[in-house]
Amino acid sequence: MGAKTWMLVIADGDARAALEAQPALDREASRALAEQLFPGETLELIGEGDLSYTNPPDPLMFIGCFPGVSVIAASEFAVDHPSQLPGRFLDVAGKRRITLHAMHSVVDWFAFAVWEDGRLIRSLSLAPDSGILEDIGEPLPFEAPFWAEQQRATVGGKDEEDEDAYPLPFHPLELGEAVLLARFGYQLEGGGKASVDPCSIPLLHFQRAGMRRKAAPEAPETPDPWWKFW
């Protein structure tokens, strides 16, 4: 798998339903939200992309505001412990439904978190080299088949002679794709029943100058992930 993401999705309700409606991009609202989320930065519009590419390197940021849903992609969302997402992102979103989705195919790492009415209800982060980094809240319905695999592996045991066995009972990126499908209606890889074409959802691309996490040492910094950008 070659899929990567680090994005935050803020929705009034069902983000998937909002994206399925093929919503029109609100450019003014997109810039306004970008300035709210990244205060103190100079944001230069440099072009457009779409929902199929949501893993911008520093110093870029992608964003799109639509009726009922907003998508923001930035390196701040590539965090090993999603529950530690800086509060300023949650404060801007208010009581709306928030989903963080992040995965990196090079290291088979995936993380996601869901906040409802300002309260964290689920956070999960895992990778084969480090195991489960964070597991908060009850698994959501679309996770059930994956944890069933874990239970079967626990009951059945592992072949001690199989040195090449995958260290997790399921592939984190497969769960990552399942989350994309369940929450947003699309997948980057895989044969799921997608209802949204990510290439049809435009995002504005901004160049960032004076990035807050580097320019404001008095503010809590997002912990660096154990993996590095390539």
C-alpha atoms as a PDB file:
ATOM      1  CA  MET A   1       0.000   0.000   0.000  1.00  0.00           C
ATOM      2  CA  GLY A   2       1.230   3.489  -0.830  1.00  0.00           C
ATOM      3  CA  ALA A   3      -1.475   5.596   0.813  1.00  0.00           C
ATOM      4  CA  LYS A   4      -0.682   8.397   3.247  1.00  0.00           C
ATOM      5  CA  THR A   5      -2.902  10.886   5.037  1.00  0.00           C
ATOM      6  CA  TRP A   6      -2.759  13.405   7.848  1.00  0.00           C
ATOM      7  CA  MET A   7      -6.018  15.296   7.975  1.00  0.00           C
ATOM      8  CA  LEU A   8      -8.744  16.628  10.227  1.00  0.00           C
ATOM      9  CA  VAL A   9     -12.397  16.544   9.131  1.00  0.00           C
ATOM     10  CA  ILE A  10     -14.917  18.794  10.901  1.00  0.00           C
ATOM     11  CA  ALA A  11     -18.585  18.120  10.203  1.00  0.00           C
ATOM     12  CA  ASP A  12     -21.942  19.418  11.379  1.00  0.00           C
ATOM     13  CA  GLY A  13     -23.189  15.832  11.306  1.00  0.00           C
ATOM     14  CA  ASP A  14     -22.436  13.002   8.884  1.00  0.00           C
ATOM     15  CA  ALA A  15     -19.292  13.916   6.922  1.00  0.00           C
ATOM     16  CA  ARG A  16     -19.851  11.071   4.461  1.00  0.00           C
ATOM     17  CA  ALA A  17     -23.340  12.295   3.576  1.00  0.00           C
ATOM     18  CA  ALA A  18     -22.047  15.839   3.136  1.00  0.00           C
ATOM     19  CA  LEU A  19     -19.302  14.685   0.745  1.00  0.00           C
ATOM     20  CA  GLU A  20     -21.682  12.394  -1.163  1.00  0.00           C
ATOM     21  CA  ALA A  21     -23.723  15.494  -2.046  1.00  0.00           C
ATOM     22  CA  GLN A  22     -20.832  16.747  -4.200  1.00  0.00           C
ATOM     23  CA  PRO A  23     -20.661  20.023  -2.249  1.00  0.00           C
ATOM     24  CA  ALA A  24     -19.353  23.259  -3.728  1.00  0.00           C
ATOM     25  CA  LEU A  25     -16.093  24.612  -2.337  1.00  0.00           C
ATOM     26  CA  ASP A  26     -16.458  27.851  -0.367  1.00  0.00           C
ATOM     27  CA  ARG A  27     -13.147  29.590  -1.020  1.00  0.00           C
ATOM     28  CA  GLU A  28     -13.695  32.508   1.352  1.00  0.00           C
ATOM     29  CA  ALA A  29     -14.738  30.231   4.197  1.00  0.00           C
ATOM     30  CA  SER A  30     -11.739  27.981   3.485  1.00  0.00           C
ATOM     31  CA  ARG A  31      -9.268  30.851   3.864  1.00  0.00           C
ATOM     32  CA  ALA A  32     -11.069  32.147   6.952  1.00  0.00           C
ATOM     33  CA  LEU A  33     -10.918  28.729   8.623  1.00  0.00           C
ATOM     34  CA  ALA A  34      -7.251  28.343   7.677  1.00  0.00           C
ATOM     35  CA  GLU A  35      -6.476  31.657   9.372  1.00  0.00           C
ATOM     36  CA  GLN A  36      -8.406  30.562  12.466  1.00  0.00           C
ATOM     37  CA  LEU A  37      -6.623  27.236  12.708  1.00  0.00           C
ATOM     38  CA  PHE A  38      -3.142  28.600  12.023  1.00  0.00           C
ATOM     39  CA  PRO A  39      -3.047  32.089  13.577  1.00  0.00           C
ATOM     40  CA  GLY A  40       0.123  34.102  13.244  1.00  0.00           C
ATOM     41  CA  GLU A  41       1.078  32.445   9.971  1.00  0.00           C
ATOM     42  CA  THR A  42       1.243  34.003   6.533  1.00  0.00           C
ATOM     43  CA  LEU A  43      -0.795  31.864   4.154  1.00  0.00           C
ATOM     44  CA  GLU A  44      -0.170  32.138   0.420  1.00  0.00           C
ATOM     45  CA  LEU A  45      -2.570  30.400  -1.942  1.00  0.00           C
ATOM     46  CA  ILE A  46      -0.427  28.441  -4.393  1.00  0.00           C
ATOM     47  CA  GLY A  47      -2.937  26.204  -6.185  1.00  0.00           C
ATOM     48  CA  GLU A  48      -5.527  23.489  -5.788  1.00  0.00           C
ATOM     49  CA  GLY A  49      -5.652  19.752  -5.323  1.00  0.00           C
ATOM     50  CA  ASP A  50      -8.270  17.300  -4.138  1.00  0.00           C
ATOM     51  CA  LEU A  51      -9.175  14.818  -1.435  1.00  0.00           C
ATOM     52  CA  SER A  52      -7.012  12.083  -2.963  1.00  0.00           C
ATOM     53  CA  TYR A  53      -3.880  13.875  -1.662  1.00  0.00           C
ATOM     54  CA  THR A  54      -4.061  14.826   2.012  1.00  0.00           C
ATOM     55  CA  ASN A  55      -0.489  14.363   3.231  1.00  0.00           C
ATOM     56  CA  PRO A  56       1.200  17.713   2.539  1.00  0.00           C
ATOM     57  CA  PRO A  57       4.819  18.174   3.618  1.00  0.00           C
ATOM     58  CA  ASP A  58       5.839  21.226   5.601  1.00  0.00           C
ATOM     59  CA  PRO A  59       5.363  24.092   4.916  1.00  0.00           C
ATOM     60  CA  LEU A  60       2.163  23.327   2.986  1.00  0.00           C
ATOM     61  CA  MET A  61      -1.432  23.038   4.187  1.00  0.00           C
ATOM     62  CA  PHE A  62      -4.529  21.924   2.254  1.00  0.00           C
ATOM     63  CA  ILE A  63      -8.063  22.955   3.157  1.00  0.00           C
ATOM     64  CA  GLY A  64     -11.606  22.925   1.842  1.00  0.00           C
ATOM     65  CA  CYS A  65     -14.812  24.212   3.437  1.00  0.00           C
ATOM     66  CA  PHE A  66     -18.119  22.911   2.099  1.00  0.00           C
ATOM     67  CA  PRO A  67     -21.717  22.980   3.326  1.00  0.00           C
ATOM     68  CA  GLY A  68     -21.713  20.808   6.439  1.00  0.00           C
ATOM     69  CA  VAL A  69     -18.090  19.668   6.317  1.00  0.00           C
ATOM     70  CA  SER A  70     -14.514  20.986   6.267  1.00  0.00           C
ATOM     71  CA  VAL A  71     -11.295  19.097   5.473  1.00  0.00           C
ATOM     72  CA  ILE A  72      -7.879  20.273   6.646  1.00  0.00           C
ATOM     73  CA  ALA A  73      -4.612  18.477   5.874  1.00  0.00           C
ATOM     74  CA  ALA A  74      -1.410  19.491   7.670  1.00  0.00           C
ATOM     75  CA  SER A  75       1.585  17.875   9.356  1.00  0.00           C
ATOM     76  CA  GLU A  76       0.182  18.728  12.820  1.00  0.00           C
ATOM     77  CA  PHE A  77      -2.304  15.894  12.357  1.00  0.00           C
ATOM     78  CA  ALA A  78       0.357  13.192  11.863  1.00  0.00           C
ATOM     79  CA  VAL A  79       0.506  12.418  15.573  1.00  0.00           C
ATOM     80  CA  ASP A  80       1.216   9.088  17.268  1.00  0.00           C
ATOM     81  CA  HIS A  81      -1.180   9.942  20.115  1.00  0.00           C
ATOM     82  CA  PRO A  82      -4.245  11.640  18.595  1.00  0.00           C
ATOM     83  CA  SER A  83      -5.685  12.373  22.040  1.00  0.00           C
ATOM     84  CA  GLN A  84      -2.864  14.902  22.442  1.00  0.00           C
ATOM     85  CA  LEU A  85      -3.991  16.995  19.479  1.00  0.00           C
ATOM     86  CA  PRO A  86      -3.501  20.656  20.507  1.00  0.00           C
ATOM     87  CA  GLY A  87      -6.681  22.085  21.938  1.00  0.00           C
ATOM     88  CA  ARG A  88      -6.722  25.056  19.568  1.00  0.00           C
ATOM     89  CA  PHE A  89      -7.902  22.774  16.760  1.00  0.00           C
ATOM     90  CA  LEU A  90     -10.734  21.433  18.888  1.00  0.00           C
ATOM     91  CA  ASP A  91     -11.680  24.907  20.117  1.00  0.00           C
ATOM     92  CA  VAL A  92     -12.137  26.178  16.561  1.00  0.00           C
ATOM     93  CA  ALA A  93     -14.328  23.205  15.705  1.00  0.00           C
ATOM     94  CA  GLY A  94     -16.532  23.737  18.751  1.00  0.00           C
ATOM     95  CA  LYS A  95     -19.262  21.137  19.269  1.00  0.00           C
ATOM     96  CA  ARG A  96     -19.114  19.749  15.759  1.00  0.00           C
ATOM     97  CA  ARG A  97     -18.061  16.183  14.936  1.00  0.00           C
ATOM     98  CA  ILE A  98     -14.297  15.903  14.448  1.00  0.00           C
ATOM     99  CA  THR A  99     -12.343  13.026  12.911  1.00  0.00           C
ATOM    100  CA  LEU A 100      -8.554  12.833  12.713  1.00  0.00           C
ATOM    101  CA  HIS A 101      -7.190  10.389  10.137  1.00  0.00           C
ATOM    102  CA  ALA A 102      -3.478   9.722   9.664  1.00  0.00           C
ATOM    103  CA  MET A 103      -1.525   6.880   8.093  1.00  0.00           C
ATOM    104  CA  HIS A 104       1.914   6.323   6.630  1.00  0.00           C
ATOM    105  CA  SER A 105       2.442   3.391   4.295  1.00  0.00           C
ATOM    106  CA  VAL A 106       6.239   3.249   4.661  1.00  0.00           C
ATOM    107  CA  VAL A 107       5.967   2.143   8.287  1.00  0.00           C
ATOM    108  CA  ASP A 108       2.433   0.658   8.184  1.00  0.00           C
ATOM    109  CA  TRP A 109       1.276   3.162  10.802  1.00  0.00           C
ATOM    110  CA  PHE A 110      -2.324   4.281  11.221  1.00  0.00           C
ATOM    111  CA  ALA A 111      -4.062   6.538  13.735  1.00  0.00           C
ATOM    112  CA  PHE A 112      -7.512   8.013  14.028  1.00  0.00           C
ATOM    113  CA  ALA A 113      -9.616   9.781  16.611  1.00  0.00           C
ATOM    114  CA  VAL A 114     -13.212  10.960  16.898  1.00  0.00           C
ATOM    115  CA  TRP A 115     -14.591  13.780  19.023  1.00  0.00           C
ATOM    116  CA  GLU A 116     -18.323  14.303  19.534  1.00  0.00           C
ATOM    117  CA  ASP A 117     -19.618  17.535  21.095  1.00  0.00           C
ATOM    118  CA  GLY A 118     -16.083  18.391  22.185  1.00  0.00           C
ATOM    119  CA  ARG A 119     -15.525  15.022  23.888  1.00  0.00           C
ATOM    120  CA  LEU A 120     -13.024  12.393  22.737  1.00  0.00           C
ATOM    121  CA  ILE A 121     -14.908   9.142  22.223  1.00  0.00           C
ATOM    122  CA  ARG A 122     -12.303   7.084  20.335  1.00  0.00           C
ATOM    123  CA  SER A 123      -8.578   7.218  19.658  1.00  0.00           C
ATOM    124  CA  LEU A 124      -6.415   4.469  18.191  1.00  0.00           C
ATOM    125  CA  SER A 125      -2.824   4.432  16.957  1.00  0.00           C
ATOM    126  CA  LEU A 126      -0.833   1.357  15.980  1.00  0.00           C
ATOM    127  CA  ALA A 127       2.050   0.111  13.864  1.00  0.00           C
ATOM    128  CA  PRO A 128       3.843  -3.246  13.526  1.00  0.00           C
ATOM    129  CA  ASP A 129       7.143  -2.010  14.965  1.00  0.00           C
ATOM    130  CA  SER A 130       5.659  -0.424  18.077  1.00  0.00           C
ATOM    131  CA  GLY A 131       2.331  -2.190  18.557  1.00  0.00           C
ATOM    132  CA  ILE A 132      -0.617  -0.248  19.919  1.00  0.00           C
ATOM    133  CA  LEU A 133       0.511   3.264  20.785  1.00  0.00           C
ATOM    134  CA  GLU A 134      -2.900   4.479  21.932  1.00  0.00           C
ATOM    135  CA  ASP A 135      -6.276   2.796  22.438  1.00  0.00           C
ATOM    136  CA  ILE A 136      -8.923   4.983  24.079  1.00  0.00           C
ATOM    137  CA  GLY A 137     -12.678   4.421  24.071  1.00  0.00           C
ATOM    138  CA  GLU A 138     -14.820   1.640  22.703  1.00  0.00           C
ATOM    139  CA  PRO A 139     -14.120   0.410  19.144  1.00  0.00           C
ATOM    140  CA  LEU A 140     -16.520   1.796  16.564  1.00  0.00           C
ATOM    141  CA  PRO A 141     -18.705  -0.608  14.534  1.00  0.00           C
ATOM    142  CA  PHE A 142     -16.476  -0.617  11.437  1.00  0.00           C
ATOM    143  CA  GLU A 143     -13.544  -1.802  13.584  1.00  0.00           C
ATOM    144  CA  ALA A 144     -15.293  -5.033  14.628  1.00  0.00           C
ATOM    145  CA  PRO A 145     -13.930  -7.338  11.874  1.00  0.00           C
ATOM    146  CA  PHE A 146     -10.364  -6.273  12.649  1.00  0.00           C
ATOM    147  CA  TRP A 147     -10.576  -6.903  16.390  1.00  0.00           C
ATOM    148  CA  ALA A 148     -12.227 -10.234  15.629  1.00  0.00           C
ATOM    149  CA  GLU A 149      -9.034 -11.139  13.784  1.00  0.00           C
ATOM    150  CA  GLN A 150      -7.048 -10.228  16.902  1.00  0.00           C
ATOM    151  CA  GLN A 151      -9.234 -12.460  19.041  1.00  0.00           C
ATOM    152  CA  ARG A 152      -8.823 -15.396  16.660  1.00  0.00           C
ATOM    153  CA  ALA A 153      -5.056 -14.904  16.683  1.00  0.00           C
ATOM    154  CA  THR A 154      -5.014 -14.826  20.494  1.00  0.00           C
ATOM    155  CA  VAL A 155      -7.085 -17.986  20.798  1.00  0.00           C
ATOM    156  CA  GLY A 156      -5.264 -19.871  18.076  1.00  0.00           C
ATOM    157  CA  GLY A 157      -1.780 -18.774  19.004  1.00  0.00           C
ATOM    158  CA  LYS A 158       1.105 -18.076  16.651  1.00  0.00           C
ATOM    159  CA  ASP A 159       3.590 -20.375  15.036  1.00  0.00           C
ATOM    160  CA  GLU A 160       6.803 -19.684  16.956  1.00  0.00           C
ATOM    161  CA  GLU A 161       8.826 -20.929  14.003  1.00  0.00           C
ATOM    162  CA  ASP A 162       7.237 -18.446  11.617  1.00  0.00           C
ATOM    163  CA  GLU A 163       9.755 -15.632  11.953  1.00  0.00           C
ATOM    164  CA  ASP A 164       8.187 -13.761   9.037  1.00  0.00           C
ATOM    165  CA  ALA A 165       4.730 -13.582  10.616  1.00  0.00           C
ATOM    166  CA  TYR A 166       3.228 -10.092  10.659  1.00  0.00           C
ATOM    167  CA  PRO A 167       3.426  -8.757  14.251  1.00  0.00           C
ATOM    168  CA  LEU A 168      -0.197  -7.560  14.267  1.00  0.00           C
ATOM    169  CA  PRO A 169      -3.311  -9.660  13.588  1.00  0.00           C
ATOM    170  CA  PHE A 170      -4.479  -7.138  10.987  1.00  0.00           C
ATOM    171  CA  HIS A 171      -2.823  -4.570   8.778  1.00  0.00           C
ATOM    172  CA  PRO A 172      -3.153  -1.002  10.140  1.00  0.00           C
ATOM    173  CA  LEU A 173      -3.517   0.449   6.652  1.00  0.00           C
ATOM    174  CA  GLU A 174      -6.433  -1.865   5.918  1.00  0.00           C
ATOM    175  CA  LEU A 175      -8.176  -0.445   8.963  1.00  0.00           C
ATOM    176  CA  GLY A 176      -7.196   3.029   7.748  1.00  0.00           C
ATOM    177  CA  GLU A 177      -8.961   2.406   4.450  1.00  0.00           C
ATOM    178  CA  ALA A 178     -12.006   1.050   6.290  1.00  0.00           C
ATOM    179  CA  VAL A 179     -12.186   4.256   8.324  1.00  0.00           C
ATOM    180  CA  LEU A 180     -11.975   6.372   5.163  1.00  0.00           C
ATOM    181  CA  LEU A 181     -14.862   4.415   3.675  1.00  0.00           C
ATOM    182  CA  ALA A 182     -17.025   4.427   6.784  1.00  0.00           C
ATOM    183  CA  ARG A 183     -16.512   8.063   7.755  1.00  0.00           C
ATOM    184  CA  PHE A 184     -16.007   9.768   4.382  1.00  0.00           C
ATOM    185  CA  GLY A 185     -17.270   7.403   1.676  1.00  0.00           C
ATOM    186  CA  TYR A 186     -14.029   6.848  -0.236  1.00  0.00           C
ATOM    187  CA  GLN A 187     -10.827   4.833  -0.228  1.00  0.00           C
ATOM    188  CA  LEU A 188      -7.353   5.538  -1.551  1.00  0.00           C
ATOM    189  CA  GLU A 189      -6.613   1.858  -2.175  1.00  0.00           C
ATOM    190  CA  GLY A 190      -8.779  -1.212  -1.996  1.00  0.00           C
ATOM    191  CA  GLY A 191     -12.035  -2.402  -3.460  1.00  0.00           C
ATOM    192  CA  GLY A 192     -14.562  -1.025  -1.018  1.00  0.00           C
ATOM    193  CA  LYS A 193     -17.986   0.244  -2.026  1.00  0.00           C
ATOM    194  CA  ALA A 194     -17.000   3.887  -2.378  1.00  0.00           C
ATOM    195  CA  SER A 195     -19.742   6.496  -2.761  1.00  0.00           C
ATOM    196  CA  VAL A 196     -17.405   9.492  -3.050  1.00  0.00           C
ATOM    197  CA  ASP A 197     -14.763  10.171  -5.702  1.00  0.00           C
ATOM    198  CA  PRO A 198     -11.974  11.921  -3.777  1.00  0.00           C
ATOM    199  CA  CYS A 199     -10.732  13.536  -6.983  1.00  0.00           C
ATOM    200  CA  SER A 200     -14.050  15.398  -7.192  1.00  0.00           C
ATOM    201  CA  ILE A 201     -13.582  17.140  -3.815  1.00  0.00           C
ATOM    202  CA  PRO A 202     -11.289  20.165  -4.325  1.00  0.00           C
ATOM    203  CA  LEU A 203      -8.911  21.487  -1.691  1.00  0.00           C
ATOM    204  CA  LEU A 204      -7.038  24.783  -1.675  1.00  0.00           C
ATOM    205  CA  HIS A 205      -3.254  24.550  -1.277  1.00  0.00           C
ATOM    206  CA  PHE A 206      -1.539  27.113   0.916  1.00  0.00           C
ATOM    207  CA  GLN A 207       2.143  27.813   1.490  1.00  0.00           C
ATOM    208  CA  ARG A 208       2.753  28.526   5.177  1.00  0.00           C
ATOM    209  CA  ALA A 209       5.246  31.018   6.566  1.00  0.00           C
ATOM    210  CA  GLY A 210       5.927  31.554  10.255  1.00  0.00           C
ATOM    211  CA  MET A 211       4.525  28.154  11.259  1.00  0.00           C
ATOM    212  CA  ARG A 212       3.081  28.441  14.755  1.00  0.00           C
ATOM    213  CA  ARG A 213       4.603  25.276  16.163  1.00  0.00           C
ATOM    214  CA  LYS A 214       8.074  26.587  15.322  1.00  0.00           C
ATOM    215  CA  ALA A 215       7.529  30.275  16.020  1.00  0.00           C
ATOM    216  CA  ALA A 216       5.722  30.125  19.383  1.00  0.00           C
ATOM    217  CA  PRO A 217       7.873  28.239  21.907  1.00  0.00           C
ATOM    218  CA  GLU A 218       5.577  29.250  24.772  1.00  0.00           C
ATOM    219  CA  ALA A 219       2.768  27.144  23.285  1.00  0.00           C
ATOM    220  CA  PRO A 220       2.768  23.353  23.845  1.00  0.00           C
ATOM    221  CA  GLU A 221       4.313  21.650  20.847  1.00  0.00           C
ATOM    222  CA  THR A 222       2.838  18.622  19.146  1.00  0.00           C
ATOM    223  CA  PRO A 223       5.084  15.647  20.022  1.00  0.00           C
ATOM    224  CA  ASP A 224       7.210  14.522  17.103  1.00  0.00           C
ATOM    225  CA  PRO A 225       6.098  11.170  15.681  1.00  0.00           C
ATOM    226  CA  TRP A 226       8.419   8.201  16.088  1.00  0.00           C
ATOM    227  CA  TRP A 227       8.643   7.983  12.296  1.00  0.00           C
ATOM    228  CA  LYS A 228       9.947  10.716  10.025  1.00  0.00           C
ATOM    229  CA  PHE A 229       8.669  12.217   6.783  1.00  0.00           C
ATOM    230  CA  TRP A 230      10.429  10.890   3.708  1.00  0.00           C
END
